[in-house]
Amino acid sequence: MSEEMRDQLASEYVLGLLEGDALAEAERFIDEDSSFATLVEDWRRRMVELDVTAALQPPATDLWDRIETSLGVAKTAPANPRRQRAPRSGVTSRLWNSLPAWRGVGLAASAAALVMAIGIGVLMRENARTPVMVAVLLSDQNQPAAIVNAFGDGRTELVPLTAITAPEGKSLQVWTLWDRARGPVSVGLMDAMHSLDLSVQNLPRTTTDQLFEVTLEPAGGSPTGRPTGPILMKGNASLAL
């Protein structure tokens, strides 16, 4: 499953859009896959941010009257949601106690809520595809050679601007450095430059001035866990415009 599909599954789980096998699969991933569980928590935090932007609103005092009016039922008593209503009779009673009628109202409300939830999910997924941090990697001739895009959902990608193929017996290795005390961390390995999702799932989110670089290493990657070969390109992350 691609990272985009995993992110979509996590968002739909938080929005309550899953059921059956899809719901069971998401719950299994949460129990067994810590990176997926982190995605779910990220989506929950985003939804909380949406919730707190809306102030609580008490229901209007004429709520019940307006419900009756929308159902085409004449008012039988002054509206007062705090007072016990007298038993209804005739058409009012049949409608008020009709399970199919209220099921229809409930289904309509549920459908409206579902459409809104899907719209929010689509909008947030579109925003997640927009980079929040960008690093332009320059060659030793000070020419743009690749771009690193870091997205709001945590995904980070390398997009090449030049064609580079490692010599026989060599590999191109991508590194990032955000903490000099920890040192550079390998986030990708390839034989030739191509678009690549970087392995940053267990790393902190990309920050301003975070270094990304590509070095030439022995086939299979650096044997020391640190860059050993020449730096082919490098650049620091900054906020996307």
C-alpha atoms as a PDB file:
ATOM      1  CA  MET A   1       0.000   0.000   0.000  1.00  0.00           C
ATOM      2  CA  SER A   2       1.442   3.375  -1.053  1.00  0.00           C
ATOM      3  CA  GLU A   3       1.962   6.193   1.439  1.00  0.00           C
ATOM      4  CA  GLU A   4      -0.854   8.172  -0.218  1.00  0.00           C
ATOM      5  CA  MET A   5      -3.264   5.230   0.171  1.00  0.00           C
ATOM      6  CA  ARG A   6      -2.211   4.779   3.821  1.00  0.00           C
ATOM      7  CA  ASP A   7      -2.815   8.484   4.483  1.00  0.00           C
ATOM      8  CA  GLN A   8      -6.236   8.283   2.809  1.00  0.00           C
ATOM      9  CA  LEU A   9      -7.153   5.213   4.877  1.00  0.00           C
ATOM     10  CA  ALA A  10      -6.103   6.983   8.097  1.00  0.00           C
ATOM     11  CA  SER A  11      -8.125  10.100   7.261  1.00  0.00           C
ATOM     12  CA  GLU A  12     -11.244   8.093   6.386  1.00  0.00           C
ATOM     13  CA  TYR A  13     -10.882   6.113   9.627  1.00  0.00           C
ATOM     14  CA  VAL A  14     -10.788   9.311  11.702  1.00  0.00           C
ATOM     15  CA  LEU A  15     -13.739  10.774   9.767  1.00  0.00           C
ATOM     16  CA  GLY A  16     -15.772   7.616  10.455  1.00  0.00           C
ATOM     17  CA  LEU A  17     -16.190   6.727   6.771  1.00  0.00           C
ATOM     18  CA  LEU A  18     -14.959   3.123   7.019  1.00  0.00           C
ATOM     19  CA  GLU A  19     -16.976  -0.002   7.624  1.00  0.00           C
ATOM     20  CA  GLY A  20     -16.676  -3.752   7.176  1.00  0.00           C
ATOM     21  CA  ASP A  21     -13.339  -5.089   5.919  1.00  0.00           C
ATOM     22  CA  ALA A  22     -11.867  -1.588   5.440  1.00  0.00           C
ATOM     23  CA  LEU A  23     -12.584  -0.688   9.075  1.00  0.00           C
ATOM     24  CA  ALA A  24     -11.132  -3.989  10.307  1.00  0.00           C
ATOM     25  CA  GLU A  25      -8.017  -3.444   8.179  1.00  0.00           C
ATOM     26  CA  ALA A  26      -7.486   0.073   9.572  1.00  0.00           C
ATOM     27  CA  GLU A  27      -7.879  -1.144  13.164  1.00  0.00           C
ATOM     28  CA  ARG A  28      -5.413  -3.954  12.494  1.00  0.00           C
ATOM     29  CA  PHE A  29      -2.894  -1.461  11.085  1.00  0.00           C
ATOM     30  CA  ILE A  30      -3.286   0.735  14.183  1.00  0.00           C
ATOM     31  CA  ASP A  31      -2.471  -2.242  16.433  1.00  0.00           C
ATOM     32  CA  GLU A  32       0.408  -3.597  14.333  1.00  0.00           C
ATOM     33  CA  ASP A  33       1.924  -0.602  12.499  1.00  0.00           C
ATOM     34  CA  SER A  34       3.232   2.266  14.628  1.00  0.00           C
ATOM     35  CA  SER A  35       3.725   4.556  11.608  1.00  0.00           C
ATOM     36  CA  PHE A  36       0.079   4.070  10.592  1.00  0.00           C
ATOM     37  CA  ALA A  37      -1.035   4.726  14.178  1.00  0.00           C
ATOM     38  CA  THR A  38       0.942   7.985  14.027  1.00  0.00           C
ATOM     39  CA  LEU A  39      -0.894   8.947  10.820  1.00  0.00           C
ATOM     40  CA  VAL A  40      -4.222   8.345  12.580  1.00  0.00           C
ATOM     41  CA  GLU A  41      -3.179  10.522  15.528  1.00  0.00           C
ATOM     42  CA  ASP A  42      -2.073  13.277  13.122  1.00  0.00           C
ATOM     43  CA  TRP A  43      -5.508  13.248  11.466  1.00  0.00           C
ATOM     44  CA  ARG A  44      -7.211  13.297  14.867  1.00  0.00           C
ATOM     45  CA  ARG A  45      -5.241  16.395  15.843  1.00  0.00           C
ATOM     46  CA  ARG A  46      -6.245  18.105  12.587  1.00  0.00           C
ATOM     47  CA  MET A  47      -9.917  17.330  13.176  1.00  0.00           C
ATOM     48  CA  VAL A  48      -9.671  18.672  16.743  1.00  0.00           C
ATOM     49  CA  GLU A  49      -8.332  21.934  15.303  1.00  0.00           C
ATOM     50  CA  LEU A  50     -11.419  22.126  13.089  1.00  0.00           C
ATOM     51  CA  ASP A  51     -13.744  21.394  16.012  1.00  0.00           C
ATOM     52  CA  VAL A  52     -12.405  24.151  18.241  1.00  0.00           C
ATOM     53  CA  THR A  53     -12.893  26.798  15.552  1.00  0.00           C
ATOM     54  CA  ALA A  54     -16.675  26.504  15.915  1.00  0.00           C
ATOM     55  CA  ALA A  55     -18.248  28.025  19.027  1.00  0.00           C
ATOM     56  CA  LEU A  56     -20.983  26.100  20.814  1.00  0.00           C
ATOM     57  CA  GLN A  57     -24.442  27.340  19.883  1.00  0.00           C
ATOM     58  CA  PRO A  58     -27.554  26.639  22.023  1.00  0.00           C
ATOM     59  CA  PRO A  59     -30.613  25.416  20.074  1.00  0.00           C
ATOM     60  CA  ALA A  60     -33.191  28.039  19.170  1.00  0.00           C
ATOM     61  CA  THR A  61     -36.274  28.200  21.416  1.00  0.00           C
ATOM     62  CA  ASP A  62     -38.535  27.558  18.422  1.00  0.00           C
ATOM     63  CA  LEU A  63     -36.639  24.461  17.296  1.00  0.00           C
ATOM     64  CA  TRP A  64     -39.488  21.992  17.793  1.00  0.00           C
ATOM     65  CA  ASP A  65     -42.001  24.283  16.079  1.00  0.00           C
ATOM     66  CA  ARG A  66     -39.725  24.606  13.057  1.00  0.00           C
ATOM     67  CA  ILE A  67     -39.317  20.807  12.888  1.00  0.00           C
ATOM     68  CA  GLU A  68     -43.108  20.417  12.929  1.00  0.00           C
ATOM     69  CA  THR A  69     -43.475  23.099  10.274  1.00  0.00           C
ATOM     70  CA  SER A  70     -40.900  21.414   8.009  1.00  0.00           C
ATOM     71  CA  LEU A  71     -42.926  18.197   8.330  1.00  0.00           C
ATOM     72  CA  GLY A  72     -46.128  20.035   7.384  1.00  0.00           C
ATOM     73  CA  VAL A  73     -47.708  19.603  10.811  1.00  0.00           C
ATOM     74  CA  ALA A  74     -49.780  22.363  12.434  1.00  0.00           C
ATOM     75  CA  LYS A  75     -48.598  23.596  15.820  1.00  0.00           C
ATOM     76  CA  THR A  76     -50.595  22.205  18.716  1.00  0.00           C
ATOM     77  CA  ALA A  77     -49.067  24.164  21.569  1.00  0.00           C
ATOM     78  CA  PRO A  78     -46.642  27.045  22.205  1.00  0.00           C
ATOM     79  CA  ALA A  79     -43.021  25.989  21.739  1.00  0.00           C
ATOM     80  CA  ASN A  80     -41.170  25.285  24.949  1.00  0.00           C
ATOM     81  CA  PRO A  81     -38.467  22.612  24.767  1.00  0.00           C
ATOM     82  CA  ARG A  82     -38.110  22.619  28.578  1.00  0.00           C
ATOM     83  CA  ARG A  83     -41.784  21.826  29.253  1.00  0.00           C
ATOM     84  CA  GLN A  84     -43.304  18.344  28.905  1.00  0.00           C
ATOM     85  CA  ARG A  85     -45.543  18.340  25.817  1.00  0.00           C
ATOM     86  CA  ALA A  86     -49.088  17.047  25.917  1.00  0.00           C
ATOM     87  CA  PRO A  87     -49.808  13.804  24.053  1.00  0.00           C
ATOM     88  CA  ARG A  88     -50.365  14.428  20.346  1.00  0.00           C
ATOM     89  CA  SER A  89     -53.314  13.094  18.385  1.00  0.00           C
ATOM     90  CA  GLY A  90     -54.312  12.605  14.769  1.00  0.00           C
ATOM     91  CA  VAL A  91     -51.747  13.406  12.084  1.00  0.00           C
ATOM     92  CA  THR A  92     -49.316  14.912  14.604  1.00  0.00           C
ATOM     93  CA  SER A  93     -49.336  11.779  16.722  1.00  0.00           C
ATOM     94  CA  ARG A  94     -48.873   9.481  13.750  1.00  0.00           C
ATOM     95  CA  LEU A  95     -45.961  11.517  12.423  1.00  0.00           C
ATOM     96  CA  TRP A  96     -44.347  12.041  15.825  1.00  0.00           C
ATOM     97  CA  ASN A  97     -44.455   8.327  16.597  1.00  0.00           C
ATOM     98  CA  SER A  98     -43.704   7.145  13.074  1.00  0.00           C
ATOM     99  CA  LEU A  99     -40.379   5.329  12.948  1.00  0.00           C
ATOM    100  CA  PRO A 100     -40.151   5.558   9.107  1.00  0.00           C
ATOM    101  CA  ALA A 101     -40.720   9.321   9.234  1.00  0.00           C
ATOM    102  CA  TRP A 102     -37.950   9.899  11.775  1.00  0.00           C
ATOM    103  CA  ARG A 103     -35.720   7.380  10.006  1.00  0.00           C
ATOM    104  CA  GLY A 104     -36.056   9.534   6.872  1.00  0.00           C
ATOM    105  CA  VAL A 105     -35.124  12.661   8.812  1.00  0.00           C
ATOM    106  CA  GLY A 106     -32.201  10.848  10.385  1.00  0.00           C
ATOM    107  CA  LEU A 107     -30.967   9.511   7.031  1.00  0.00           C
ATOM    108  CA  ALA A 108     -31.156  12.990   5.489  1.00  0.00           C
ATOM    109  CA  ALA A 109     -29.150  14.465   8.363  1.00  0.00           C
ATOM    110  CA  SER A 110     -26.634  11.617   8.199  1.00  0.00           C
ATOM    111  CA  ALA A 111     -26.245  12.091   4.444  1.00  0.00           C
ATOM    112  CA  ALA A 112     -25.588  15.818   4.901  1.00  0.00           C
ATOM    113  CA  ALA A 113     -23.012  15.104   7.613  1.00  0.00           C
ATOM    114  CA  LEU A 114     -21.334  12.481   5.430  1.00  0.00           C
ATOM    115  CA  VAL A 115     -21.087  14.850   2.460  1.00  0.00           C
ATOM    116  CA  MET A 116     -19.551  17.525   4.712  1.00  0.00           C
ATOM    117  CA  ALA A 117     -17.093  15.022   6.214  1.00  0.00           C
ATOM    118  CA  ILE A 118     -16.038  13.804   2.767  1.00  0.00           C
ATOM    119  CA  GLY A 119     -15.587  17.402   1.627  1.00  0.00           C
ATOM    120  CA  ILE A 120     -13.391  18.176   4.631  1.00  0.00           C
ATOM    121  CA  GLY A 121     -11.389  15.007   4.043  1.00  0.00           C
ATOM    122  CA  VAL A 122     -10.819  15.795   0.358  1.00  0.00           C
ATOM    123  CA  LEU A 123      -9.826  19.388   1.168  1.00  0.00           C
ATOM    124  CA  MET A 124      -7.377  18.285   3.839  1.00  0.00           C
ATOM    125  CA  ARG A 125      -5.877  15.634   1.556  1.00  0.00           C
ATOM    126  CA  GLU A 126      -5.400  18.286  -1.143  1.00  0.00           C
ATOM    127  CA  ASN A 127      -3.669  20.512   1.406  1.00  0.00           C
ATOM    128  CA  ALA A 128      -1.521  17.545   2.452  1.00  0.00           C
ATOM    129  CA  ARG A 129      -0.239  17.345  -1.161  1.00  0.00           C
ATOM    130  CA  THR A 130       1.019  20.944  -1.038  1.00  0.00           C
ATOM    131  CA  PRO A 131       4.641  21.211   0.199  1.00  0.00           C
ATOM    132  CA  VAL A 132       5.135  23.111   3.432  1.00  0.00           C
ATOM    133  CA  MET A 133       8.953  22.982   3.266  1.00  0.00           C
ATOM    134  CA  VAL A 134      11.207  22.963   0.193  1.00  0.00           C
ATOM    135  CA  ALA A 135      14.947  22.422  -0.211  1.00  0.00           C
ATOM    136  CA  VAL A 136      16.722  23.157  -3.497  1.00  0.00           C
ATOM    137  CA  LEU A 137      19.818  20.959  -3.776  1.00  0.00           C
ATOM    138  CA  LEU A 138      22.677  22.627  -5.647  1.00  0.00           C
ATOM    139  CA  SER A 139      25.507  20.857  -7.436  1.00  0.00           C
ATOM    140  CA  ASP A 140      29.174  21.713  -6.936  1.00  0.00           C
ATOM    141  CA  GLN A 141      28.730  24.077  -9.913  1.00  0.00           C
ATOM    142  CA  ASN A 142      26.051  25.876  -7.844  1.00  0.00           C
ATOM    143  CA  GLN A 143      23.306  24.720 -10.245  1.00  0.00           C
ATOM    144  CA  PRO A 144      19.899  23.341  -9.093  1.00  0.00           C
ATOM    145  CA  ALA A 145      20.173  19.558  -9.299  1.00  0.00           C
ATOM    146  CA  ALA A 146      17.158  18.329  -7.266  1.00  0.00           C
ATOM    147  CA  ILE A 147      14.314  19.498  -5.043  1.00  0.00           C
ATOM    148  CA  VAL A 148      13.140  18.036  -1.744  1.00  0.00           C
ATOM    149  CA  ASN A 149       9.464  18.633  -0.922  1.00  0.00           C
ATOM    150  CA  ALA A 150       8.176  18.076   2.623  1.00  0.00           C
ATOM    151  CA  PHE A 151       4.377  17.845   2.926  1.00  0.00           C
ATOM    152  CA  GLY A 152       1.958  18.538   5.753  1.00  0.00           C
ATOM    153  CA  ASP A 153       1.180  14.834   6.184  1.00  0.00           C
ATOM    154  CA  GLY A 154       4.843  14.058   6.917  1.00  0.00           C
ATOM    155  CA  ARG A 155       5.675  12.643   3.481  1.00  0.00           C
ATOM    156  CA  THR A 156       8.926  13.898   1.941  1.00  0.00           C
ATOM    157  CA  GLU A 157      10.021  13.386  -1.665  1.00  0.00           C
ATOM    158  CA  LEU A 158      13.094  13.956  -3.792  1.00  0.00           C
ATOM    159  CA  VAL A 159      12.485  15.294  -7.315  1.00  0.00           C
ATOM    160  CA  PRO A 160      15.571  15.280  -9.611  1.00  0.00           C
ATOM    161  CA  LEU A 161      16.300  18.159 -11.971  1.00  0.00           C
ATOM    162  CA  THR A 162      19.344  16.550 -13.573  1.00  0.00           C
ATOM    163  CA  ALA A 163      20.059  13.015 -14.764  1.00  0.00           C
ATOM    164  CA  ILE A 164      22.823  11.353 -12.738  1.00  0.00           C
ATOM    165  CA  THR A 165      23.702   7.658 -12.799  1.00  0.00           C
ATOM    166  CA  ALA A 166      26.114   6.165 -10.278  1.00  0.00           C
ATOM    167  CA  PRO A 167      29.223   4.468 -11.735  1.00  0.00           C
ATOM    168  CA  GLU A 168      29.419   0.680 -11.545  1.00  0.00           C
ATOM    169  CA  GLY A 169      29.954  -0.440  -7.960  1.00  0.00           C
ATOM    170  CA  LYS A 170      28.576   2.831  -6.558  1.00  0.00           C
ATOM    171  CA  SER A 171      25.221   4.135  -5.251  1.00  0.00           C
ATOM    172  CA  LEU A 172      23.646   7.536  -4.735  1.00  0.00           C
ATOM    173  CA  GLN A 173      22.648   8.019  -1.105  1.00  0.00           C
ATOM    174  CA  VAL A 174      20.356  10.743   0.260  1.00  0.00           C
ATOM    175  CA  TRP A 175      20.995  12.167   3.736  1.00  0.00           C
ATOM    176  CA  THR A 176      19.373  14.681   6.024  1.00  0.00           C
ATOM    177  CA  LEU A 177      20.782  16.580   8.999  1.00  0.00           C
ATOM    178  CA  TRP A 178      18.678  18.543  11.494  1.00  0.00           C
ATOM    179  CA  ASP A 179      20.729  17.911  14.643  1.00  0.00           C
ATOM    180  CA  ARG A 180      24.527  18.015  14.522  1.00  0.00           C
ATOM    181  CA  ALA A 181      24.683  16.074  17.767  1.00  0.00           C
ATOM    182  CA  ARG A 182      22.928  13.136  16.082  1.00  0.00           C
ATOM    183  CA  GLY A 183      24.636  13.574  12.727  1.00  0.00           C
ATOM    184  CA  PRO A 184      23.371  12.900   9.201  1.00  0.00           C
ATOM    185  CA  VAL A 185      20.746  10.175   8.692  1.00  0.00           C
ATOM    186  CA  SER A 186      20.272   8.169   5.491  1.00  0.00           C
ATOM    187  CA  VAL A 187      16.789   8.599   3.997  1.00  0.00           C
ATOM    188  CA  GLY A 188      17.198   7.096   0.532  1.00  0.00           C
ATOM    189  CA  LEU A 189      19.387   4.975  -1.740  1.00  0.00           C
ATOM    190  CA  MET A 190      19.353   4.629  -5.541  1.00  0.00           C
ATOM    191  CA  ASP A 191      21.521   3.758  -8.535  1.00  0.00           C
ATOM    192  CA  ALA A 192      20.344   6.734 -10.602  1.00  0.00           C
ATOM    193  CA  MET A 193      18.504   9.954  -9.829  1.00  0.00           C
ATOM    194  CA  HIS A 194      14.718   9.541  -9.952  1.00  0.00           C
ATOM    195  CA  SER A 195      11.671  10.710  -7.999  1.00  0.00           C
ATOM    196  CA  LEU A 196      11.863   9.070  -4.605  1.00  0.00           C
ATOM    197  CA  ASP A 197       9.764   9.072  -1.429  1.00  0.00           C
ATOM    198  CA  LEU A 198      12.332   9.570   1.326  1.00  0.00           C
ATOM    199  CA  SER A 199      12.301   7.319   4.391  1.00  0.00           C
ATOM    200  CA  VAL A 200      11.475   9.882   7.077  1.00  0.00           C
ATOM    201  CA  GLN A 201       8.619   8.071   8.852  1.00  0.00           C
ATOM    202  CA  ASN A 202      10.486   7.803  12.150  1.00  0.00           C
ATOM    203  CA  LEU A 203      12.211  11.196  11.974  1.00  0.00           C
ATOM    204  CA  PRO A 204      11.060  14.612  13.236  1.00  0.00           C
ATOM    205  CA  ARG A 205       9.155  16.808  10.791  1.00  0.00           C
ATOM    206  CA  THR A 206      11.340  18.832   8.428  1.00  0.00           C
ATOM    207  CA  THR A 207      12.316  22.209   9.861  1.00  0.00           C
ATOM    208  CA  THR A 208      13.791  25.439   8.511  1.00  0.00           C
ATOM    209  CA  ASP A 209      17.502  25.156   7.542  1.00  0.00           C
ATOM    210  CA  GLN A 210      17.435  21.338   7.745  1.00  0.00           C
ATOM    211  CA  LEU A 211      20.158  20.005   5.453  1.00  0.00           C
ATOM    212  CA  PHE A 212      19.571  17.500   2.641  1.00  0.00           C
ATOM    213  CA  GLU A 213      22.373  16.140   0.492  1.00  0.00           C
ATOM    214  CA  VAL A 214      23.218  13.366  -1.969  1.00  0.00           C
ATOM    215  CA  THR A 215      26.589  11.628  -1.816  1.00  0.00           C
ATOM    216  CA  LEU A 216      28.329   8.986  -3.918  1.00  0.00           C
ATOM    217  CA  GLU A 217      28.795   5.841  -1.813  1.00  0.00           C
ATOM    218  CA  PRO A 218      29.789   2.188  -2.298  1.00  0.00           C
ATOM    219  CA  ALA A 219      27.114  -0.035  -3.829  1.00  0.00           C
ATOM    220  CA  GLY A 220      24.402  -0.702  -1.243  1.00  0.00           C
ATOM    221  CA  GLY A 221      25.174   2.457   0.733  1.00  0.00           C
ATOM    222  CA  SER A 222      27.759   3.787   3.148  1.00  0.00           C
ATOM    223  CA  PRO A 223      29.292   1.009   5.283  1.00  0.00           C
ATOM    224  CA  THR A 224      29.665   3.365   8.251  1.00  0.00           C
ATOM    225  CA  GLY A 225      26.140   4.809   8.429  1.00  0.00           C
ATOM    226  CA  ARG A 226      27.613   8.239   7.705  1.00  0.00           C
ATOM    227  CA  PRO A 227      28.517   9.956   4.400  1.00  0.00           C
ATOM    228  CA  THR A 228      31.910   8.788   3.172  1.00  0.00           C
ATOM    229  CA  GLY A 229      31.951   9.802  -0.503  1.00  0.00           C
ATOM    230  CA  PRO A 230      31.940  13.129  -2.315  1.00  0.00           C
ATOM    231  CA  ILE A 231      28.854  15.372  -1.979  1.00  0.00           C
ATOM    232  CA  LEU A 232      27.099  15.612  -5.345  1.00  0.00           C
ATOM    233  CA  MET A 233      24.434  18.135  -4.262  1.00  0.00           C
ATOM    234  CA  LYS A 234      23.087  19.730  -1.104  1.00  0.00           C
ATOM    235  CA  GLY A 235      20.643  22.348   0.134  1.00  0.00           C
ATOM    236  CA  ASN A 236      18.755  23.608   3.197  1.00  0.00           C
ATOM    237  CA  ALA A 237      15.006  23.506   3.699  1.00  0.00           C
ATOM    238  CA  SER A 238      12.919  26.664   3.892  1.00  0.00           C
ATOM    239  CA  LEU A 239       9.212  27.449   4.102  1.00  0.00           C
ATOM    240  CA  ALA A 240       7.398  26.898   0.823  1.00  0.00           C
ATOM    241  CA  LEU A 241       6.048  30.080  -0.789  1.00  0.00           C
END
